Amino acid sequence: MTSPTMPRRPLRLALGLAAALVAFAACKTDPMNTECQNDRYDVERPTDGKMLAFLLNPQTIDYYYLATRPDTIEFRWDISRDYYGVACLRLQTTDSVRVDSTGNFQLVMDGSNSSFMSRRTVIQGQTIADSVVGYVFRGCEGDGGTYRVLPDSTISFSWRNGRQEGFFAAAGVHKLVGDTIRTSWTVGTPADSVHGWWRLRWGRASCGEGF
């Protein structure tokens, strides 16, 4: 994998996401796939009424992948490295305090949403350890749709467009806990030749609401 062109300084929550999002140019083109276009890269698109935003916190990302046949390859997300990009989920609210139990949602993104992963490969007894670029969003994600908060606080997303992969696929779990959305996705078990997971959190933040 080759490293994308990256800015000198990462976009972090501490830099003030509201100001950063205003500065981004409205663009509907996926920087990783120019054939995949929808409104998720248009950060200035109007919200669907009142909405509360949840910002992906890069420091909570826990990604692991291990394949052991025929050779071994292992990836681990490195949260000590800079993260490039932002991603937010906007969900509808009536009282501006709590998320409504049902409504519309939007996915808002900018940048590559990438960082670095450590990689370990074992081929014919030879072990190689290095670092490669990893991407949080790998498919042609849609820009939103409708959602429902279930009795156990998990959120069911119904996308109107796009192609969901990883933790946005059917096996992904998204749970609303206070001001946080906890996302997880697991494939396989430790006994399988291929297994891994995504675990991350989205925290309440200003993310372009009010445009």
C-alpha atoms as a PDB file:
ATOM      1  CA  MET A   1       0.000   0.000   0.000  1.00  0.00           C
ATOM      2  CA  THR A   2       1.244   3.478  -0.721  1.00  0.00           C
ATOM      3  CA  SER A   3       0.857   6.503   1.494  1.00  0.00           C
ATOM      4  CA  PRO A   4      -1.694   9.132   0.412  1.00  0.00           C
ATOM      5  CA  THR A   5      -0.849  12.785   0.248  1.00  0.00           C
ATOM      6  CA  MET A   6      -1.310  14.003   3.800  1.00  0.00           C
ATOM      7  CA  PRO A   7      -1.263  17.437   5.418  1.00  0.00           C
ATOM      8  CA  ARG A   8       1.476  18.305   7.867  1.00  0.00           C
ATOM      9  CA  ARG A   9      -0.938  18.592  10.766  1.00  0.00           C
ATOM     10  CA  PRO A  10      -3.842  16.187  11.542  1.00  0.00           C
ATOM     11  CA  LEU A  11      -7.400  17.418  11.966  1.00  0.00           C
ATOM     12  CA  ARG A  12      -8.275  16.709  15.577  1.00  0.00           C
ATOM     13  CA  LEU A  13     -11.170  17.453  17.857  1.00  0.00           C
ATOM     14  CA  ALA A  14      -8.979  19.838  19.846  1.00  0.00           C
ATOM     15  CA  LEU A  15      -8.559  22.075  16.803  1.00  0.00           C
ATOM     16  CA  GLY A  16     -12.252  22.985  16.812  1.00  0.00           C
ATOM     17  CA  LEU A  17     -14.269  20.869  14.427  1.00  0.00           C
ATOM     18  CA  ALA A  18     -16.888  23.493  13.735  1.00  0.00           C
ATOM     19  CA  ALA A  19     -14.306  25.934  12.377  1.00  0.00           C
ATOM     20  CA  ALA A  20     -12.529  23.210  10.468  1.00  0.00           C
ATOM     21  CA  LEU A  21     -15.685  21.998   8.770  1.00  0.00           C
ATOM     22  CA  VAL A  22     -16.653  25.499   7.662  1.00  0.00           C
ATOM     23  CA  ALA A  23     -13.255  25.818   6.003  1.00  0.00           C
ATOM     24  CA  PHE A  24     -13.662  22.632   3.953  1.00  0.00           C
ATOM     25  CA  ALA A  25     -14.768  23.042   0.348  1.00  0.00           C
ATOM     26  CA  ALA A  26     -18.075  21.408  -0.452  1.00  0.00           C
ATOM     27  CA  CYS A  27     -17.281  18.383  -2.573  1.00  0.00           C
ATOM     28  CA  LYS A  28     -19.295  15.304  -3.472  1.00  0.00           C
ATOM     29  CA  THR A  29     -16.388  13.293  -4.868  1.00  0.00           C
ATOM     30  CA  ASP A  30     -14.861  10.474  -2.870  1.00  0.00           C
ATOM     31  CA  PRO A  31     -11.095  11.207  -2.728  1.00  0.00           C
ATOM     32  CA  MET A  32     -10.402   7.471  -2.740  1.00  0.00           C
ATOM     33  CA  ASN A  33     -12.830   6.574  -5.537  1.00  0.00           C
ATOM     34  CA  THR A  34     -13.860   9.234  -8.057  1.00  0.00           C
ATOM     35  CA  GLU A  35     -16.637   6.983  -9.388  1.00  0.00           C
ATOM     36  CA  CYS A  36     -18.364   7.018  -6.000  1.00  0.00           C
ATOM     37  CA  GLN A  37     -20.236  10.291  -5.609  1.00  0.00           C
ATOM     38  CA  ASN A  38     -22.969  11.291  -3.184  1.00  0.00           C
ATOM     39  CA  ASP A  39     -23.573  13.967  -0.570  1.00  0.00           C
ATOM     40  CA  ARG A  40     -21.436  12.583   2.244  1.00  0.00           C
ATOM     41  CA  TYR A  41     -18.562  14.883   1.210  1.00  0.00           C
ATOM     42  CA  ASP A  42     -20.858  17.910   1.022  1.00  0.00           C
ATOM     43  CA  VAL A  43     -20.432  19.185   4.588  1.00  0.00           C
ATOM     44  CA  GLU A  44     -22.539  22.256   3.861  1.00  0.00           C
ATOM     45  CA  ARG A  45     -25.669  20.372   2.840  1.00  0.00           C
ATOM     46  CA  PRO A  46     -28.687  21.285   4.974  1.00  0.00           C
ATOM     47  CA  THR A  47     -29.569  19.124   7.934  1.00  0.00           C
ATOM     48  CA  ASP A  48     -32.904  17.297   8.009  1.00  0.00           C
ATOM     49  CA  GLY A  49     -34.466  19.567  10.604  1.00  0.00           C
ATOM     50  CA  LYS A  50     -32.803  19.644  14.017  1.00  0.00           C
ATOM     51  CA  MET A  51     -29.956  17.152  14.265  1.00  0.00           C
ATOM     52  CA  LEU A  52     -27.348  16.158  16.834  1.00  0.00           C
ATOM     53  CA  ALA A  53     -23.894  15.208  15.559  1.00  0.00           C
ATOM     54  CA  PHE A  54     -21.509  12.508  16.737  1.00  0.00           C
ATOM     55  CA  LEU A  55     -17.860  12.829  15.720  1.00  0.00           C
ATOM     56  CA  LEU A  56     -15.664   9.791  15.164  1.00  0.00           C
ATOM     57  CA  ASN A  57     -12.955   9.869  17.834  1.00  0.00           C
ATOM     58  CA  PRO A  58      -9.705   8.528  16.283  1.00  0.00           C
ATOM     59  CA  GLN A  59      -8.249   7.780  19.713  1.00  0.00           C
ATOM     60  CA  THR A  60     -10.893   5.116  20.273  1.00  0.00           C
ATOM     61  CA  ILE A  61     -10.195   3.149  17.087  1.00  0.00           C
ATOM     62  CA  ASP A  62      -9.325  -0.486  17.731  1.00  0.00           C
ATOM     63  CA  TYR A  63      -8.816  -2.412  14.506  1.00  0.00           C
ATOM     64  CA  TYR A  64      -7.305  -5.875  14.350  1.00  0.00           C
ATOM     65  CA  TYR A  65      -7.032  -8.389  11.531  1.00  0.00           C
ATOM     66  CA  LEU A  66      -5.297 -11.763  11.398  1.00  0.00           C
ATOM     67  CA  ALA A  67      -5.145 -14.288   8.555  1.00  0.00           C
ATOM     68  CA  THR A  68      -3.069 -17.453   9.048  1.00  0.00           C
ATOM     69  CA  ARG A  69      -3.506 -19.484   5.835  1.00  0.00           C
ATOM     70  CA  PRO A  70      -1.455 -20.126   3.836  1.00  0.00           C
ATOM     71  CA  ASP A  71       0.814 -17.429   5.256  1.00  0.00           C
ATOM     72  CA  THR A  72       0.323 -15.164   8.254  1.00  0.00           C
ATOM     73  CA  ILE A  73      -0.571 -11.501   7.980  1.00  0.00           C
ATOM     74  CA  GLU A  74      -1.575  -9.376  10.942  1.00  0.00           C
ATOM     75  CA  PHE A  75      -2.693  -5.731  11.160  1.00  0.00           C
ATOM     76  CA  ARG A  76      -3.186  -3.519  14.214  1.00  0.00           C
ATOM     77  CA  TRP A  77      -4.364   0.099  14.178  1.00  0.00           C
ATOM     78  CA  ASP A  78      -1.810   2.493  15.673  1.00  0.00           C
ATOM     79  CA  ILE A  79      -3.592   5.282  17.586  1.00  0.00           C
ATOM     80  CA  SER A  80      -0.250   6.959  18.346  1.00  0.00           C
ATOM     81  CA  ARG A  81      -0.024   8.107  14.717  1.00  0.00           C
ATOM     82  CA  ASP A  82      -1.754  11.157  13.221  1.00  0.00           C
ATOM     83  CA  TYR A  83      -5.269  10.742  11.853  1.00  0.00           C
ATOM     84  CA  TYR A  84      -6.230  12.515   8.629  1.00  0.00           C
ATOM     85  CA  GLY A  85      -9.845  13.498   8.111  1.00  0.00           C
ATOM     86  CA  VAL A  86     -13.118  13.748   9.994  1.00  0.00           C
ATOM     87  CA  ALA A  87     -16.351  11.762   9.970  1.00  0.00           C
ATOM     88  CA  CYS A  88     -19.653  12.568  11.664  1.00  0.00           C
ATOM     89  CA  LEU A  89     -23.055  11.010  12.048  1.00  0.00           C
ATOM     90  CA  ARG A  90     -25.978  13.426  12.362  1.00  0.00           C
ATOM     91  CA  LEU A  91     -29.214  12.109  13.910  1.00  0.00           C
ATOM     92  CA  GLN A  92     -32.521  13.887  14.316  1.00  0.00           C
ATOM     93  CA  THR A  93     -33.597  15.496  17.574  1.00  0.00           C
ATOM     94  CA  THR A  94     -36.774  17.190  18.730  1.00  0.00           C
ATOM     95  CA  ASP A  95     -35.553  18.824  21.940  1.00  0.00           C
ATOM     96  CA  SER A  96     -31.910  19.487  20.918  1.00  0.00           C
ATOM     97  CA  VAL A  97     -30.806  17.298  23.848  1.00  0.00           C
ATOM     98  CA  ARG A  98     -31.698  13.710  23.024  1.00  0.00           C
ATOM     99  CA  VAL A  99     -31.687  11.744  19.798  1.00  0.00           C
ATOM    100  CA  ASP A 100     -35.187  10.911  18.565  1.00  0.00           C
ATOM    101  CA  SER A 101     -36.086   7.217  18.614  1.00  0.00           C
ATOM    102  CA  THR A 102     -36.634   7.296  14.841  1.00  0.00           C
ATOM    103  CA  GLY A 103     -35.770   9.748  12.099  1.00  0.00           C
ATOM    104  CA  ASN A 104     -33.311  10.641   9.386  1.00  0.00           C
ATOM    105  CA  PHE A 105     -29.535  10.481   9.674  1.00  0.00           C
ATOM    106  CA  GLN A 106     -26.648  11.870   7.667  1.00  0.00           C
ATOM    107  CA  LEU A 107     -23.043  10.739   7.240  1.00  0.00           C
ATOM    108  CA  VAL A 108     -20.624  13.653   6.802  1.00  0.00           C
ATOM    109  CA  MET A 109     -16.988  13.105   5.871  1.00  0.00           C
ATOM    110  CA  ASP A 110     -13.913  15.024   4.800  1.00  0.00           C
ATOM    111  CA  GLY A 111     -10.411  13.873   4.009  1.00  0.00           C
ATOM    112  CA  SER A 112      -9.120  10.341   3.672  1.00  0.00           C
ATOM    113  CA  ASN A 113     -10.007   9.242   7.237  1.00  0.00           C
ATOM    114  CA  SER A 114      -6.779   7.316   7.339  1.00  0.00           C
ATOM    115  CA  SER A 115      -3.847   6.647   9.610  1.00  0.00           C
ATOM    116  CA  PHE A 116      -1.215   3.945   9.968  1.00  0.00           C
ATOM    117  CA  MET A 117      -1.373   0.301  10.944  1.00  0.00           C
ATOM    118  CA  SER A 118       1.416  -1.956  12.056  1.00  0.00           C
ATOM    119  CA  ARG A 119       1.756  -5.000   9.808  1.00  0.00           C
ATOM    120  CA  ARG A 120       3.393  -8.345  10.532  1.00  0.00           C
ATOM    121  CA  THR A 121       3.799 -10.947   7.828  1.00  0.00           C
ATOM    122  CA  VAL A 122       5.266 -14.440   8.116  1.00  0.00           C
ATOM    123  CA  ILE A 123       6.118 -16.088   4.804  1.00  0.00           C
ATOM    124  CA  GLN A 124       8.029 -19.374   4.715  1.00  0.00           C
ATOM    125  CA  GLY A 125       9.290 -18.768   8.218  1.00  0.00           C
ATOM    126  CA  GLN A 126      10.491 -15.234   7.499  1.00  0.00           C
ATOM    127  CA  THR A 127       8.904 -12.465   9.579  1.00  0.00           C
ATOM    128  CA  ILE A 128       8.602  -8.916   8.292  1.00  0.00           C
ATOM    129  CA  ALA A 129       7.308  -6.049  10.431  1.00  0.00           C
ATOM    130  CA  ASP A 130       6.441  -2.693   8.922  1.00  0.00           C
ATOM    131  CA  SER A 131       3.756   0.004   8.794  1.00  0.00           C
ATOM    132  CA  VAL A 132       1.111   0.683   6.149  1.00  0.00           C
ATOM    133  CA  VAL A 133      -1.695   3.177   5.607  1.00  0.00           C
ATOM    134  CA  GLY A 134      -5.120   2.058   6.788  1.00  0.00           C
ATOM    135  CA  TYR A 135      -8.533   3.510   5.954  1.00  0.00           C
ATOM    136  CA  VAL A 136     -11.537   3.530   8.261  1.00  0.00           C
ATOM    137  CA  PHE A 137     -14.032   3.694   5.381  1.00  0.00           C
ATOM    138  CA  ARG A 138     -13.260   1.275   2.578  1.00  0.00           C
ATOM    139  CA  GLY A 139     -16.437   1.084   0.526  1.00  0.00           C
ATOM    140  CA  CYS A 140     -18.724   3.525  -1.228  1.00  0.00           C
ATOM    141  CA  GLU A 141     -20.630   4.556   1.886  1.00  0.00           C
ATOM    142  CA  GLY A 142     -23.929   6.343   1.409  1.00  0.00           C
ATOM    143  CA  ASP A 143     -24.709   9.810   2.713  1.00  0.00           C
ATOM    144  CA  GLY A 144     -27.549   8.823   5.050  1.00  0.00           C
ATOM    145  CA  GLY A 145     -31.051   7.436   5.286  1.00  0.00           C
ATOM    146  CA  THR A 146     -33.310   6.551   8.194  1.00  0.00           C
ATOM    147  CA  TYR A 147     -32.545   5.067  11.603  1.00  0.00           C
ATOM    148  CA  ARG A 148     -34.325   3.493  14.565  1.00  0.00           C
ATOM    149  CA  VAL A 149     -33.130   3.233  18.158  1.00  0.00           C
ATOM    150  CA  LEU A 150     -34.135  -0.219  19.389  1.00  0.00           C
ATOM    151  CA  PRO A 151     -35.163  -1.063  22.992  1.00  0.00           C
ATOM    152  CA  ASP A 152     -31.622  -2.236  23.828  1.00  0.00           C
ATOM    153  CA  SER A 153     -30.246   1.156  22.632  1.00  0.00           C
ATOM    154  CA  THR A 154     -28.700  -0.262  19.470  1.00  0.00           C
ATOM    155  CA  ILE A 155     -29.218   1.828  16.340  1.00  0.00           C
ATOM    156  CA  SER A 156     -30.497   0.257  13.139  1.00  0.00           C
ATOM    157  CA  PHE A 157     -29.463   2.230  10.031  1.00  0.00           C
ATOM    158  CA  SER A 158     -31.326   1.941   6.730  1.00  0.00           C
ATOM    159  CA  TRP A 159     -29.213   3.540   4.001  1.00  0.00           C
ATOM    160  CA  ARG A 160     -30.814   5.170   0.960  1.00  0.00           C
ATOM    161  CA  ASN A 161     -27.679   4.840  -1.172  1.00  0.00           C
ATOM    162  CA  GLY A 162     -24.078   3.676  -1.176  1.00  0.00           C
ATOM    163  CA  ARG A 163     -22.470   0.325  -0.503  1.00  0.00           C
ATOM    164  CA  GLN A 164     -21.797  -0.418   3.155  1.00  0.00           C
ATOM    165  CA  GLU A 165     -18.809  -2.474   4.253  1.00  0.00           C
ATOM    166  CA  GLY A 166     -17.038  -3.225   7.532  1.00  0.00           C
ATOM    167  CA  PHE A 167     -18.796  -1.834  10.594  1.00  0.00           C
ATOM    168  CA  PHE A 168     -21.527  -0.222   8.464  1.00  0.00           C
ATOM    169  CA  ALA A 169     -22.442  -3.608   6.965  1.00  0.00           C
ATOM    170  CA  ALA A 170     -25.246  -5.746   8.386  1.00  0.00           C
ATOM    171  CA  ALA A 171     -22.988  -7.326  11.024  1.00  0.00           C
ATOM    172  CA  GLY A 172     -21.991  -3.963  12.490  1.00  0.00           C
ATOM    173  CA  VAL A 173     -23.385  -2.986  15.895  1.00  0.00           C
ATOM    174  CA  HIS A 174     -24.012   0.642  16.884  1.00  0.00           C
ATOM    175  CA  LYS A 175     -25.161   1.360  20.438  1.00  0.00           C
ATOM    176  CA  LEU A 176     -26.272   4.719  21.819  1.00  0.00           C
ATOM    177  CA  VAL A 177     -24.867   5.245  25.317  1.00  0.00           C
ATOM    178  CA  GLY A 178     -25.462   8.754  26.649  1.00  0.00           C
ATOM    179  CA  ASP A 179     -23.584  11.173  24.401  1.00  0.00           C
ATOM    180  CA  THR A 180     -21.670   8.378  22.678  1.00  0.00           C
ATOM    181  CA  ILE A 181     -22.304   5.910  19.873  1.00  0.00           C
ATOM    182  CA  ARG A 182     -20.264   2.745  20.363  1.00  0.00           C
ATOM    183  CA  THR A 183     -19.590   0.919  17.115  1.00  0.00           C
ATOM    184  CA  SER A 184     -18.253  -2.614  16.771  1.00  0.00           C
ATOM    185  CA  TRP A 185     -17.920  -5.270  14.107  1.00  0.00           C
ATOM    186  CA  THR A 186     -16.399  -8.730  14.400  1.00  0.00           C
ATOM    187  CA  VAL A 187     -15.584 -11.340  11.804  1.00  0.00           C
ATOM    188  CA  GLY A 188     -14.692 -14.941  12.643  1.00  0.00           C
ATOM    189  CA  THR A 189     -13.489 -16.290  15.989  1.00  0.00           C
ATOM    190  CA  PRO A 190      -9.966 -16.668  17.414  1.00  0.00           C
ATOM    191  CA  ALA A 191      -9.978 -20.281  16.192  1.00  0.00           C
ATOM    192  CA  ASP A 192     -10.621 -19.284  12.578  1.00  0.00           C
ATOM    193  CA  SER A 193      -7.877 -18.788  10.030  1.00  0.00           C
ATOM    194  CA  VAL A 194      -9.278 -15.287   9.447  1.00  0.00           C
ATOM    195  CA  HIS A 195     -10.665 -13.124  12.220  1.00  0.00           C
ATOM    196  CA  GLY A 196     -10.678  -9.511  13.288  1.00  0.00           C
ATOM    197  CA  TRP A 197     -12.715  -6.588  14.509  1.00  0.00           C
ATOM    198  CA  TRP A 198     -13.440  -2.873  14.452  1.00  0.00           C
ATOM    199  CA  ARG A 199     -14.257  -1.019  17.673  1.00  0.00           C
ATOM    200  CA  LEU A 200     -14.615   2.751  17.852  1.00  0.00           C
ATOM    201  CA  ARG A 201     -16.698   5.531  19.361  1.00  0.00           C
ATOM    202  CA  TRP A 202     -18.474   8.628  18.120  1.00  0.00           C
ATOM    203  CA  GLY A 203     -18.853  11.487  20.626  1.00  0.00           C
ATOM    204  CA  ARG A 204     -21.207  14.470  20.596  1.00  0.00           C
ATOM    205  CA  ALA A 205     -19.626  17.449  18.811  1.00  0.00           C
ATOM    206  CA  SER A 206     -20.461  20.346  16.526  1.00  0.00           C
ATOM    207  CA  CYS A 207     -20.215  19.019  13.002  1.00  0.00           C
ATOM    208  CA  GLY A 208     -21.648  21.570  10.629  1.00  0.00           C
ATOM    209  CA  GLU A 209     -25.220  21.701  11.978  1.00  0.00           C
ATOM    210  CA  GLY A 210     -27.032  24.869  11.093  1.00  0.00           C
ATOM    211  CA  PHE A 211     -25.732  25.370   7.553  1.00  0.00           C
END
